[in-house]
């Protein structure tokens, strides 16, 4: 008799679990579609706002939000989309002239790893303090994004960058950190920090919407 009751209970739970899984899957697909669209629109808009030779990045905030809501790999996907838009917009054209493969690798990798890092850091800290998790993830995203760019410069573009630096009357290291990175990094970091409280509110509201259907 007990076995029959257990089997009956499992039969009832199975369709419910399947429905829950399908609902979560659909919610993730729709949510990621929305976040992907936001990343594309913001980066296309940001391509027209230049500090020095390169445009600023406005997409790190939605990447952090997507990574917080849907996990680190969602952050990696959004970062990859960000990198693809940078390549298609022509913002990386000066580096494309040096090496196409090196530019593609650097741009896509820095975007994907910044999203991945933001996601891992957020989910590592969120149970202790969501605000600290958002701030830390918001710092990690531009740091990783810029760090991978610097590595890419040394691996793929150093010869040409040294020539640019000499032409500008500067040494190579100063040219990289002041001329190429400079104000952009601090603007991107500042945007994330300023929007931290807004990002926390968005994540909290979205989580309620996702889990209280």
N, C-alpha and C. Protein backbone atom coordinates (compact mmCIF):
# COMPACT_ATOMS: atom_id res chain seq x y z
N UNK A 1 0.83 -1.20 0.00
CA UNK A 1 0.00 0.00 0.00
C UNK A 1 0.87 1.26 0.00
N UNK A 2 1.92 1.23 0.85
CA UNK A 2 2.80 2.39 0.93
C UNK A 2 3.50 2.65 -0.41
N UNK A 3 3.94 1.60 -1.08
CA UNK A 3 4.60 1.75 -2.38
C UNK A 3 3.68 2.39 -3.39
N UNK A 4 2.41 1.99 -3.36
CA UNK A 4 1.42 2.57 -4.29
C UNK A 4 1.24 4.05 -4.03
N UNK A 5 1.19 4.43 -2.74
CA UNK A 5 1.03 5.84 -2.39
C UNK A 5 2.25 6.66 -2.81
N UNK A 6 3.44 6.08 -2.60
CA UNK A 6 4.66 6.77 -3.00
C UNK A 6 4.70 6.99 -4.50
N UNK A 7 4.36 5.95 -5.26
CA UNK A 7 4.36 6.07 -6.71
C UNK A 7 3.35 7.10 -7.18
N UNK A 8 2.18 7.13 -6.52
CA UNK A 8 1.15 8.11 -6.88
C UNK A 8 1.64 9.52 -6.61
N UNK A 9 2.32 9.71 -5.47
CA UNK A 9 2.86 11.03 -5.12
C UNK A 9 3.92 11.46 -6.13
N UNK A 10 4.79 10.52 -6.52
CA UNK A 10 5.84 10.84 -7.50
C UNK A 10 5.24 11.19 -8.85
N UNK A 11 4.15 10.52 -9.21
CA UNK A 11 3.48 10.78 -10.48
C UNK A 11 2.91 12.20 -10.50
N UNK A 12 2.40 12.65 -9.34
CA UNK A 12 1.85 14.00 -9.25
C UNK A 12 2.96 15.04 -9.30
N UNK A 13 4.09 14.73 -8.60
CA UNK A 13 5.19 15.70 -8.55
C UNK A 13 5.89 15.86 -9.89
N UNK A 14 5.98 14.79 -10.66
CA UNK A 14 6.74 14.83 -11.91
C UNK A 14 6.24 15.89 -12.88
N UNK A 15 4.91 15.93 -13.20
CA UNK A 15 4.44 16.97 -14.12
C UNK A 15 4.66 18.37 -13.57
N UNK A 16 4.50 18.53 -12.23
CA UNK A 16 4.72 19.83 -11.61
C UNK A 16 6.17 20.28 -11.77
N UNK A 17 7.09 19.33 -11.53
CA UNK A 17 8.52 19.64 -11.69
C UNK A 17 8.85 19.98 -13.14
N UNK A 18 8.24 19.24 -14.07
CA UNK A 18 8.49 19.51 -15.49
C UNK A 18 7.97 20.89 -15.89
N UNK A 19 6.80 21.25 -15.37
CA UNK A 19 6.24 22.58 -15.67
C UNK A 19 7.14 23.67 -15.12
N UNK A 20 7.64 23.45 -13.89
CA UNK A 20 8.52 24.44 -13.27
C UNK A 20 9.81 24.59 -14.07
N UNK A 21 10.35 23.47 -14.54
CA UNK A 21 11.57 23.51 -15.35
C UNK A 21 11.34 24.25 -16.65
N UNK A 22 10.21 23.95 -17.30
CA UNK A 22 9.90 24.64 -18.57
C UNK A 22 9.72 26.14 -18.34
N UNK A 23 9.02 26.48 -17.26
CA UNK A 23 8.78 27.90 -16.96
C UNK A 23 10.09 28.63 -16.72
N UNK A 24 10.99 28.00 -15.93
CA UNK A 24 12.29 28.62 -15.68
C UNK A 24 13.10 28.76 -16.95
N UNK A 25 13.02 27.77 -17.82
CA UNK A 25 13.74 27.80 -19.09
C UNK A 25 13.24 28.95 -19.96
N UNK A 26 11.92 29.06 -20.07
CA UNK A 26 11.32 30.12 -20.89
C UNK A 26 11.66 31.50 -20.32
N UNK A 27 11.56 31.61 -18.98
CA UNK A 27 11.89 32.88 -18.33
C UNK A 27 13.33 33.29 -18.59
N UNK A 28 14.24 32.32 -18.52
CA UNK A 28 15.66 32.61 -18.78
C UNK A 28 15.88 33.04 -20.22
N UNK A 29 15.25 32.35 -21.16
CA UNK A 29 15.41 32.69 -22.58
C UNK A 29 14.88 34.10 -22.86
N UNK A 30 13.69 34.41 -22.32
CA UNK A 30 13.10 35.74 -22.54
C UNK A 30 13.95 36.81 -21.87
N UNK A 31 14.37 36.55 -20.62
CA UNK A 31 15.18 37.52 -19.90
C UNK A 31 16.52 37.77 -20.58
N UNK A 32 17.16 36.70 -21.04
CA UNK A 32 18.45 36.86 -21.72
C UNK A 32 18.29 37.56 -23.06
N UNK A 33 17.17 37.31 -23.73
CA UNK A 33 16.90 38.01 -24.99
C UNK A 33 16.79 39.52 -24.76
N UNK A 34 16.09 39.88 -23.66
CA UNK A 34 15.93 41.30 -23.32
C UNK A 34 17.28 41.92 -22.96
N UNK A 35 18.06 41.23 -22.12
CA UNK A 35 19.36 41.77 -21.71
C UNK A 35 20.31 41.89 -22.90
N UNK A 36 20.25 40.92 -23.81
CA UNK A 36 21.08 40.97 -25.01
C UNK A 36 20.74 42.20 -25.85
N UNK A 37 19.44 42.47 -26.01
CA UNK A 37 19.01 43.63 -26.78
C UNK A 37 19.48 44.93 -26.13
N UNK A 38 19.40 44.98 -24.80
CA UNK A 38 19.86 46.18 -24.08
C UNK A 38 21.35 46.40 -24.29
N UNK A 39 22.13 45.33 -24.21
CA UNK A 39 23.58 45.44 -24.42
C UNK A 39 23.88 45.97 -25.82
N UNK A 40 23.20 45.42 -26.82
CA UNK A 40 23.42 45.86 -28.20
C UNK A 40 23.08 47.34 -28.37
N UNK A 41 21.91 47.76 -27.89
CA UNK A 41 21.47 49.15 -28.06
C UNK A 41 22.42 50.10 -27.34
N UNK A 42 22.78 49.77 -26.10
CA UNK A 42 23.65 50.66 -25.33
C UNK A 42 25.03 50.79 -25.96
N UNK A 43 25.57 49.68 -26.48
CA UNK A 43 26.90 49.75 -27.06
C UNK A 43 26.89 50.49 -28.40
N UNK A 44 25.83 50.33 -29.17
CA UNK A 44 25.71 51.08 -30.42
C UNK A 44 25.64 52.58 -30.11
N UNK A 45 24.87 52.93 -29.08
CA UNK A 45 24.77 54.33 -28.67
C UNK A 45 26.13 54.84 -28.16
N UNK A 46 26.81 54.00 -27.35
CA UNK A 46 28.08 54.41 -26.76
C UNK A 46 29.17 54.60 -27.80
N UNK A 47 29.03 53.96 -28.96
CA UNK A 47 30.04 54.08 -30.01
C UNK A 47 30.20 55.51 -30.48
N UNK A 48 29.18 56.34 -30.26
CA UNK A 48 29.24 57.75 -30.69
C UNK A 48 29.82 58.66 -29.61
N UNK A 49 30.08 58.11 -28.41
CA UNK A 49 30.62 58.90 -27.31
C UNK A 49 32.08 58.52 -27.11
N UNK A 50 32.96 59.37 -27.53
CA UNK A 50 34.39 59.03 -27.49
C UNK A 50 35.14 59.88 -26.47
N UNK A 51 36.04 59.21 -25.74
CA UNK A 51 37.00 59.89 -24.89
C UNK A 51 38.37 59.55 -25.45
N UNK A 52 38.97 60.51 -26.13
CA UNK A 52 40.20 60.21 -26.85
C UNK A 52 39.87 59.49 -28.15
N UNK A 53 40.61 58.42 -28.43
CA UNK A 53 40.44 57.69 -29.68
C UNK A 53 39.33 56.67 -29.64
N UNK A 54 38.91 56.26 -28.43
CA UNK A 54 37.98 55.14 -28.32
C UNK A 54 36.73 55.54 -27.56
N UNK A 55 35.63 54.83 -27.85
CA UNK A 55 34.36 55.12 -27.19
C UNK A 55 34.34 54.50 -25.81
N UNK A 56 33.48 55.04 -24.95
CA UNK A 56 33.33 54.47 -23.61
C UNK A 56 32.41 53.25 -23.68
N UNK A 57 32.40 52.50 -22.61
CA UNK A 57 31.56 51.30 -22.53
C UNK A 57 30.42 51.55 -21.55
N UNK A 58 29.18 51.45 -22.04
CA UNK A 58 28.01 51.63 -21.18
C UNK A 58 27.34 50.31 -20.85
N UNK A 59 27.88 49.23 -21.37
CA UNK A 59 27.17 47.94 -21.26
C UNK A 59 27.55 47.11 -20.05
N UNK A 60 28.54 47.55 -19.26
CA UNK A 60 28.97 46.72 -18.14
C UNK A 60 27.89 46.60 -17.07
N UNK A 61 27.07 47.64 -16.89
CA UNK A 61 25.98 47.56 -15.91
C UNK A 61 24.95 46.49 -16.29
N UNK A 62 24.41 46.48 -17.52
CA UNK A 62 23.48 45.39 -17.86
C UNK A 62 24.14 44.01 -17.87
N UNK A 63 25.44 43.96 -18.14
CA UNK A 63 26.14 42.67 -18.07
C UNK A 63 26.15 42.16 -16.63
N UNK A 64 26.41 43.07 -15.67
CA UNK A 64 26.38 42.70 -14.26
C UNK A 64 24.98 42.24 -13.85
N UNK A 65 23.95 42.95 -14.31
CA UNK A 65 22.56 42.58 -13.99
C UNK A 65 22.24 41.20 -14.54
N UNK A 66 22.58 40.97 -15.80
CA UNK A 66 22.32 39.67 -16.41
C UNK A 66 23.05 38.54 -15.72
N UNK A 67 24.30 38.79 -15.35
CA UNK A 67 25.09 37.78 -14.64
C UNK A 67 24.51 37.48 -13.27
N UNK A 68 24.00 38.52 -12.59
CA UNK A 68 23.41 38.33 -11.27
C UNK A 68 22.11 37.55 -11.35
N UNK A 69 21.30 37.83 -12.36
CA UNK A 69 19.99 37.18 -12.48
C UNK A 69 20.07 35.75 -13.02
N UNK A 70 20.95 35.54 -13.99
CA UNK A 70 20.94 34.27 -14.73
C UNK A 70 22.23 33.46 -14.61
N UNK A 71 23.22 33.99 -13.88
CA UNK A 71 24.42 33.22 -13.64
C UNK A 71 25.64 33.70 -14.41
N UNK A 72 26.81 33.24 -14.01
CA UNK A 72 28.07 33.68 -14.63
C UNK A 72 28.13 33.44 -16.14
N UNK A 73 27.59 32.30 -16.61
CA UNK A 73 27.69 32.02 -18.04
C UNK A 73 26.79 32.95 -18.84
N UNK A 74 25.71 33.42 -18.22
CA UNK A 74 24.88 34.44 -18.87
C UNK A 74 25.68 35.74 -18.99
N UNK A 75 26.44 36.07 -17.94
CA UNK A 75 27.31 37.24 -18.00
C UNK A 75 28.35 37.10 -19.10
N UNK A 76 28.90 35.89 -19.25
CA UNK A 76 29.89 35.66 -20.31
C UNK A 76 29.26 35.86 -21.68
N UNK A 77 28.03 35.37 -21.86
CA UNK A 77 27.34 35.55 -23.15
C UNK A 77 27.11 37.03 -23.45
N UNK A 78 26.63 37.78 -22.45
CA UNK A 78 26.37 39.21 -22.66
C UNK A 78 27.67 39.95 -22.95
N UNK A 79 28.76 39.55 -22.28
CA UNK A 79 30.06 40.15 -22.57
C UNK A 79 30.53 39.84 -23.97
N UNK A 80 30.24 38.63 -24.43
CA UNK A 80 30.60 38.23 -25.79
C UNK A 80 29.82 39.06 -26.82
N UNK A 81 28.55 39.30 -26.54
CA UNK A 81 27.73 40.14 -27.42
C UNK A 81 28.28 41.56 -27.45
N UNK A 82 28.63 42.07 -26.29
CA UNK A 82 29.26 43.40 -26.20
C UNK A 82 30.50 43.47 -27.09
N UNK A 83 31.35 42.46 -27.00
CA UNK A 83 32.56 42.43 -27.82
C UNK A 83 32.24 42.37 -29.31
N UNK A 84 31.23 41.59 -29.67
CA UNK A 84 30.85 41.48 -31.09
C UNK A 84 30.37 42.82 -31.63
N UNK A 85 29.60 43.56 -30.82
CA UNK A 85 29.11 44.87 -31.25
C UNK A 85 30.28 45.85 -31.42
N UNK A 86 31.25 45.78 -30.51
CA UNK A 86 32.45 46.63 -30.63
C UNK A 86 33.15 46.36 -31.96
N UNK A 87 33.29 45.09 -32.32
CA UNK A 87 33.95 44.75 -33.59
C UNK A 87 33.15 45.23 -34.79
N UNK A 88 31.84 45.02 -34.75
CA UNK A 88 30.99 45.38 -35.89
C UNK A 88 30.82 46.89 -36.03
N UNK A 89 30.93 47.61 -34.92
CA UNK A 89 30.74 49.06 -34.97
C UNK A 89 31.95 49.79 -35.54
N UNK A 90 33.07 49.09 -35.64
CA UNK A 90 34.29 49.71 -36.16
C UNK A 90 35.12 50.39 -35.10
N UNK A 91 34.72 50.26 -33.83
CA UNK A 91 35.44 50.93 -32.76
C UNK A 91 36.84 50.34 -32.56
N UNK A 92 37.02 49.10 -33.02
CA UNK A 92 38.33 48.46 -32.89
C UNK A 92 39.13 48.54 -34.19
N UNK A 93 38.70 49.39 -35.12
CA UNK A 93 39.33 49.48 -36.44
C UNK A 93 40.84 49.74 -36.40
N UNK A 94 41.34 50.64 -35.51
CA UNK A 94 42.80 50.86 -35.49
C UNK A 94 43.59 49.60 -35.18
N UNK A 95 43.02 48.72 -34.35
CA UNK A 95 43.70 47.48 -34.01
C UNK A 95 43.51 46.42 -35.10
N UNK A 96 42.38 46.49 -35.80
CA UNK A 96 42.14 45.59 -36.93
C UNK A 96 43.21 45.77 -38.01
N UNK A 97 43.68 47.01 -38.16
CA UNK A 97 44.70 47.30 -39.15
C UNK A 97 46.04 46.65 -38.79
N UNK A 98 46.23 46.37 -37.51
CA UNK A 98 47.47 45.74 -37.05
C UNK A 98 47.38 44.22 -37.21
N UNK A 99 46.33 43.64 -36.62
CA UNK A 99 46.10 42.19 -36.74
C UNK A 99 44.63 41.89 -36.51
N UNK A 100 43.99 41.30 -37.50
CA UNK A 100 42.56 40.97 -37.39
C UNK A 100 42.33 39.86 -36.35
N UNK A 101 43.06 38.72 -36.43
CA UNK A 101 42.84 37.65 -35.44
C UNK A 101 43.09 38.12 -34.00
N UNK A 102 44.17 38.87 -33.80
CA UNK A 102 44.51 39.36 -32.47
C UNK A 102 43.44 40.28 -31.91
N UNK A 103 42.90 41.13 -32.78
CA UNK A 103 41.84 42.06 -32.36
C UNK A 103 40.58 41.31 -31.98
N UNK A 104 40.18 40.35 -32.81
CA UNK A 104 38.96 39.59 -32.53
C UNK A 104 39.11 38.82 -31.23
N UNK A 105 40.24 38.17 -31.04
CA UNK A 105 40.48 37.40 -29.80
C UNK A 105 40.43 38.31 -28.58
N UNK A 106 41.14 39.43 -28.65
CA UNK A 106 41.21 40.35 -27.50
C UNK A 106 39.85 40.93 -27.16
N UNK A 107 39.14 41.42 -28.16
CA UNK A 107 37.86 42.10 -27.91
C UNK A 107 36.80 41.13 -27.39
N UNK A 108 36.70 39.96 -28.01
CA UNK A 108 35.69 38.99 -27.56
C UNK A 108 36.05 38.43 -26.18
N UNK A 109 37.34 38.17 -25.97
CA UNK A 109 37.76 37.55 -24.70
C UNK A 109 37.58 38.52 -23.53
N UNK A 110 37.91 39.78 -23.74
CA UNK A 110 37.79 40.73 -22.63
C UNK A 110 36.33 40.95 -22.26
N UNK A 111 35.44 40.94 -23.22
CA UNK A 111 34.02 41.08 -22.92
C UNK A 111 33.48 39.86 -22.19
N UNK A 112 33.78 38.68 -22.72
CA UNK A 112 33.26 37.44 -22.12
C UNK A 112 33.80 37.24 -20.71
N UNK A 113 35.08 37.47 -20.50
CA UNK A 113 35.68 37.23 -19.17
C UNK A 113 35.20 38.27 -18.15
N UNK A 114 34.93 39.49 -18.59
CA UNK A 114 34.42 40.50 -17.65
C UNK A 114 33.04 40.11 -17.15
N UNK A 115 32.19 39.60 -18.05
CA UNK A 115 30.87 39.13 -17.64
C UNK A 115 30.93 37.90 -16.76
N UNK A 116 31.82 36.98 -17.12
CA UNK A 116 31.99 35.75 -16.33
C UNK A 116 32.48 36.08 -14.92
N UNK A 117 33.47 36.96 -14.82
CA UNK A 117 34.01 37.34 -13.51
C UNK A 117 32.95 38.04 -12.66
N UNK A 118 32.19 38.95 -13.27
CA UNK A 118 31.14 39.66 -12.54
C UNK A 118 30.12 38.67 -11.98
N UNK A 119 29.74 37.68 -12.78
CA UNK A 119 28.76 36.69 -12.34
C UNK A 119 29.26 35.84 -11.19
N UNK A 120 30.49 35.34 -11.30
CA UNK A 120 31.05 34.50 -10.24
C UNK A 120 31.18 35.28 -8.93
N UNK A 121 31.66 36.51 -9.03
CA UNK A 121 31.87 37.33 -7.83
C UNK A 121 30.53 37.68 -7.19
N UNK A 122 29.54 38.05 -7.99
CA UNK A 122 28.23 38.39 -7.44
C UNK A 122 27.64 37.21 -6.67
N UNK A 123 27.63 36.05 -7.30
CA UNK A 123 27.00 34.87 -6.68
C UNK A 123 27.81 34.34 -5.49
N UNK A 124 29.08 34.70 -5.43
CA UNK A 124 29.91 34.31 -4.29
C UNK A 124 29.57 35.15 -3.06
N UNK A 125 29.17 36.40 -3.27
CA UNK A 125 28.99 37.34 -2.16
C UNK A 125 27.53 37.62 -1.85
N UNK A 126 26.61 37.39 -2.78
CA UNK A 126 25.23 37.87 -2.65
C UNK A 126 24.52 37.44 -1.37
N UNK A 127 24.77 36.23 -0.87
CA UNK A 127 24.07 35.76 0.32
C UNK A 127 24.50 36.52 1.58
N UNK A 128 25.70 37.07 1.54
CA UNK A 128 26.18 37.86 2.68
C UNK A 128 25.68 39.29 2.61
N UNK A 129 25.77 39.88 1.43
CA UNK A 129 25.32 41.27 1.27
C UNK A 129 25.17 41.57 -0.22
N UNK A 130 23.93 41.79 -0.66
CA UNK A 130 23.68 42.00 -2.09
C UNK A 130 24.30 43.28 -2.60
N UNK A 131 24.28 44.32 -1.77
CA UNK A 131 24.85 45.59 -2.22
C UNK A 131 26.36 45.46 -2.44
N UNK A 132 27.03 44.83 -1.48
CA UNK A 132 28.48 44.60 -1.61
C UNK A 132 28.76 43.72 -2.82
N UNK A 133 27.88 42.73 -3.06
CA UNK A 133 28.05 41.85 -4.21
C UNK A 133 27.98 42.62 -5.51
N UNK A 134 27.02 43.54 -5.60
CA UNK A 134 26.87 44.35 -6.82
C UNK A 134 28.06 45.29 -7.00
N UNK A 135 28.47 45.95 -5.93
CA UNK A 135 29.60 46.88 -6.02
C UNK A 135 30.88 46.13 -6.44
N UNK A 136 31.10 44.97 -5.82
CA UNK A 136 32.30 44.20 -6.14
C UNK A 136 32.27 43.69 -7.57
N UNK A 137 31.10 43.18 -7.99
CA UNK A 137 30.96 42.73 -9.38
C UNK A 137 31.11 43.91 -10.34
N UNK A 138 30.58 45.07 -9.94
CA UNK A 138 30.68 46.26 -10.78
C UNK A 138 32.11 46.76 -10.92
N UNK A 139 32.93 46.52 -9.90
CA UNK A 139 34.35 46.85 -9.99
C UNK A 139 35.08 45.81 -10.84
N UNK A 140 34.74 44.54 -10.62
CA UNK A 140 35.43 43.46 -11.32
C UNK A 140 35.26 43.54 -12.83
N UNK A 141 34.06 43.90 -13.29
CA UNK A 141 33.79 43.91 -14.73
C UNK A 141 34.74 44.84 -15.50
N UNK A 142 34.84 46.14 -15.15
CA UNK A 142 35.78 46.99 -15.89
C UNK A 142 37.24 46.65 -15.65
N UNK A 143 37.56 46.14 -14.44
CA UNK A 143 38.95 45.76 -14.17
C UNK A 143 39.38 44.60 -15.08
N UNK A 144 38.53 43.57 -15.17
CA UNK A 144 38.85 42.43 -16.03
C UNK A 144 38.84 42.84 -17.49
N UNK A 145 37.84 43.63 -17.87
CA UNK A 145 37.74 44.11 -19.26
C UNK A 145 39.02 44.85 -19.67
N UNK A 146 39.46 45.75 -18.81
CA UNK A 146 40.67 46.53 -19.10
C UNK A 146 41.92 45.67 -18.98
N UNK A 147 41.95 44.78 -18.00
CA UNK A 147 43.12 43.92 -17.80
C UNK A 147 43.38 43.01 -18.98
N UNK A 148 42.33 42.41 -19.52
CA UNK A 148 42.48 41.53 -20.68
C UNK A 148 42.91 42.36 -21.90
N UNK A 149 42.39 43.58 -22.01
CA UNK A 149 42.81 44.46 -23.10
C UNK A 149 44.31 44.72 -23.03
N UNK A 150 44.82 45.01 -21.82
CA UNK A 150 46.25 45.27 -21.65
C UNK A 150 47.07 44.04 -22.03
N UNK A 151 46.61 42.87 -21.61
CA UNK A 151 47.31 41.63 -21.99
C UNK A 151 47.32 41.48 -23.50
N UNK A 152 46.17 41.75 -24.13
CA UNK A 152 46.09 41.67 -25.59
C UNK A 152 47.04 42.63 -26.27
N UNK A 153 47.18 43.83 -25.70
CA UNK A 153 48.10 44.82 -26.27
C UNK A 153 49.53 44.27 -26.25
N UNK A 154 49.95 43.68 -25.14
CA UNK A 154 51.31 43.17 -25.03
C UNK A 154 51.53 41.93 -25.90
N UNK A 155 50.49 41.14 -26.08
CA UNK A 155 50.64 39.90 -26.87
C UNK A 155 50.60 40.19 -28.37
N UNK A 156 49.67 41.05 -28.80
CA UNK A 156 49.41 41.20 -30.24
C UNK A 156 49.85 42.53 -30.85
N UNK A 157 49.90 43.61 -30.06
CA UNK A 157 50.04 44.93 -30.67
C UNK A 157 51.24 45.74 -30.18
N UNK A 158 52.11 45.13 -29.39
CA UNK A 158 53.13 45.92 -28.70
C UNK A 158 54.06 46.67 -29.66
N UNK A 159 54.46 46.03 -30.76
CA UNK A 159 55.36 46.70 -31.70
C UNK A 159 54.77 47.99 -32.25
N UNK A 160 53.53 47.90 -32.71
CA UNK A 160 52.88 49.08 -33.28
C UNK A 160 52.59 50.12 -32.20
N UNK A 161 52.16 49.67 -31.02
CA UNK A 161 51.88 50.59 -29.92
C UNK A 161 53.15 51.36 -29.53
N UNK A 162 54.29 50.69 -29.57
CA UNK A 162 55.56 51.35 -29.25
C UNK A 162 55.86 52.45 -30.27
N UNK A 163 55.53 52.19 -31.54
CA UNK A 163 55.72 53.21 -32.57
C UNK A 163 54.78 54.39 -32.35
N UNK A 164 53.51 54.09 -31.97
CA UNK A 164 52.57 55.17 -31.66
C UNK A 164 53.08 56.00 -30.49
N UNK A 165 53.60 55.33 -29.48
CA UNK A 165 54.10 56.03 -28.29
C UNK A 165 55.28 56.93 -28.66
N UNK A 166 56.20 56.41 -29.47
CA UNK A 166 57.35 57.22 -29.88
C UNK A 166 56.90 58.43 -30.68
N UNK A 167 55.89 58.23 -31.54
CA UNK A 167 55.37 59.34 -32.33
C UNK A 167 54.71 60.40 -31.47
N UNK A 168 54.16 59.97 -30.32
CA UNK A 168 53.51 60.92 -29.41
C UNK A 168 54.48 61.49 -28.38
N UNK A 169 55.76 61.07 -28.50
CA UNK A 169 56.77 61.56 -27.55
C UNK A 169 56.62 60.98 -26.17
N UNK A 170 56.19 59.74 -26.08
CA UNK A 170 55.95 59.10 -24.79
C UNK A 170 56.60 57.72 -24.76
N UNK A 171 56.78 57.20 -23.56
CA UNK A 171 57.25 55.82 -23.48
C UNK A 171 56.05 54.88 -23.62
N UNK A 172 56.32 53.62 -23.94
CA UNK A 172 55.25 52.68 -24.28
C UNK A 172 54.27 52.45 -23.13
N UNK A 173 54.78 52.22 -21.92
CA UNK A 173 53.92 51.92 -20.77
C UNK A 173 52.99 53.09 -20.46
N UNK A 174 53.55 54.29 -20.43
CA UNK A 174 52.72 55.48 -20.16
C UNK A 174 51.66 55.66 -21.24
N UNK A 175 52.04 55.40 -22.47
CA UNK A 175 51.10 55.56 -23.58
C UNK A 175 49.94 54.57 -23.45
N UNK A 176 50.25 53.33 -23.05
CA UNK A 176 49.20 52.31 -22.90
C UNK A 176 48.23 52.71 -21.80
N UNK A 177 48.77 53.06 -20.63
CA UNK A 177 47.90 53.28 -19.46
C UNK A 177 47.28 54.68 -19.43
N UNK A 178 47.90 55.63 -20.10
CA UNK A 178 47.34 56.99 -20.12
C UNK A 178 46.64 57.26 -21.46
N UNK A 179 47.33 56.95 -22.55
CA UNK A 179 46.78 57.26 -23.86
C UNK A 179 45.67 56.32 -24.31
N UNK A 180 45.85 55.01 -24.08
CA UNK A 180 44.86 54.04 -24.56
C UNK A 180 43.75 53.76 -23.54
N UNK A 181 44.13 53.65 -22.28
CA UNK A 181 43.15 53.31 -21.25
C UNK A 181 42.63 54.59 -20.60
N UNK A 182 43.53 55.29 -19.93
CA UNK A 182 43.26 56.60 -19.37
C UNK A 182 41.90 56.79 -18.73
N UNK A 183 41.21 57.83 -19.22
CA UNK A 183 39.94 58.27 -18.64
C UNK A 183 38.83 57.24 -18.84
N UNK A 184 38.90 56.48 -19.93
CA UNK A 184 37.82 55.52 -20.23
C UNK A 184 37.57 54.56 -19.08
N UNK A 185 38.65 54.01 -18.53
CA UNK A 185 38.51 53.04 -17.44
C UNK A 185 37.79 53.65 -16.25
N UNK A 186 38.18 54.85 -15.87
CA UNK A 186 37.61 55.49 -14.68
C UNK A 186 36.15 55.89 -14.92
N UNK A 187 35.82 56.27 -16.15
CA UNK A 187 34.42 56.57 -16.47
C UNK A 187 33.57 55.31 -16.37
N UNK A 188 34.07 54.22 -16.94
CA UNK A 188 33.33 52.95 -16.90
C UNK A 188 33.16 52.46 -15.47
N UNK A 189 34.22 52.56 -14.67
CA UNK A 189 34.16 52.16 -13.27
C UNK A 189 33.19 53.06 -12.51
N UNK A 190 33.26 54.36 -12.76
CA UNK A 190 32.38 55.32 -12.09
C UNK A 190 30.91 55.08 -12.40
N UNK A 191 30.61 54.76 -13.67
CA UNK A 191 29.23 54.48 -14.05
C UNK A 191 28.68 53.30 -13.25
N UNK A 192 29.46 52.24 -13.15
CA UNK A 192 29.03 51.06 -12.40
C UNK A 192 28.81 51.38 -10.92
N UNK A 193 29.71 52.16 -10.33
CA UNK A 193 29.60 52.48 -8.91
C UNK A 193 28.42 53.41 -8.66
N UNK A 194 28.23 54.39 -9.52
CA UNK A 194 27.11 55.32 -9.36
C UNK A 194 25.77 54.59 -9.49
N UNK A 195 25.73 53.62 -10.39
CA UNK A 195 24.48 52.89 -10.63
C UNK A 195 24.28 51.69 -9.70
N UNK A 196 25.19 51.51 -8.74
CA UNK A 196 25.14 50.31 -7.90
C UNK A 196 23.79 50.15 -7.20
N UNK A 197 23.30 51.22 -6.57
CA UNK A 197 22.03 51.12 -5.85
C UNK A 197 20.88 50.84 -6.80
N UNK A 198 20.95 51.43 -8.00
CA UNK A 198 19.91 51.17 -9.01
C UNK A 198 19.96 49.71 -9.45
N UNK A 199 21.17 49.20 -9.65
CA UNK A 199 21.34 47.81 -10.08
C UNK A 199 20.80 46.85 -9.02
N UNK A 200 21.08 47.14 -7.73
CA UNK A 200 20.55 46.31 -6.65
C UNK A 200 19.04 46.27 -6.69
N UNK A 201 18.41 47.44 -6.88
CA UNK A 201 16.95 47.52 -6.94
C UNK A 201 16.40 46.73 -8.11
N UNK A 202 17.04 46.86 -9.27
CA UNK A 202 16.60 46.13 -10.46
C UNK A 202 16.70 44.63 -10.25
N UNK A 203 17.82 44.18 -9.69
CA UNK A 203 18.02 42.75 -9.45
C UNK A 203 16.99 42.20 -8.46
N UNK A 204 16.74 42.95 -7.39
CA UNK A 204 15.78 42.51 -6.38
C UNK A 204 14.38 42.42 -6.98
N UNK A 205 14.00 43.43 -7.74
CA UNK A 205 12.67 43.44 -8.37
C UNK A 205 12.55 42.30 -9.38
N UNK A 206 13.57 42.13 -10.21
CA UNK A 206 13.54 41.08 -11.24
C UNK A 206 13.48 39.69 -10.60
N UNK A 207 14.22 39.50 -9.51
CA UNK A 207 14.19 38.21 -8.82
C UNK A 207 12.80 37.90 -8.28
N UNK A 208 12.12 38.91 -7.75
CA UNK A 208 10.75 38.71 -7.26
C UNK A 208 9.83 38.33 -8.41
N UNK A 209 10.00 39.01 -9.53
CA UNK A 209 9.16 38.72 -10.71
C UNK A 209 9.43 37.30 -11.23
N UNK A 210 10.69 36.88 -11.19
CA UNK A 210 11.06 35.58 -11.73
C UNK A 210 10.60 34.43 -10.85
N UNK A 211 10.59 34.66 -9.53
CA UNK A 211 10.34 33.54 -8.62
C UNK A 211 8.98 33.56 -7.94
N UNK A 212 8.18 34.58 -8.22
CA UNK A 212 6.86 34.65 -7.60
C UNK A 212 5.74 34.65 -8.62
N UNK A 213 5.86 33.78 -9.59
CA UNK A 213 4.84 33.68 -10.63
C UNK A 213 3.79 32.67 -10.20
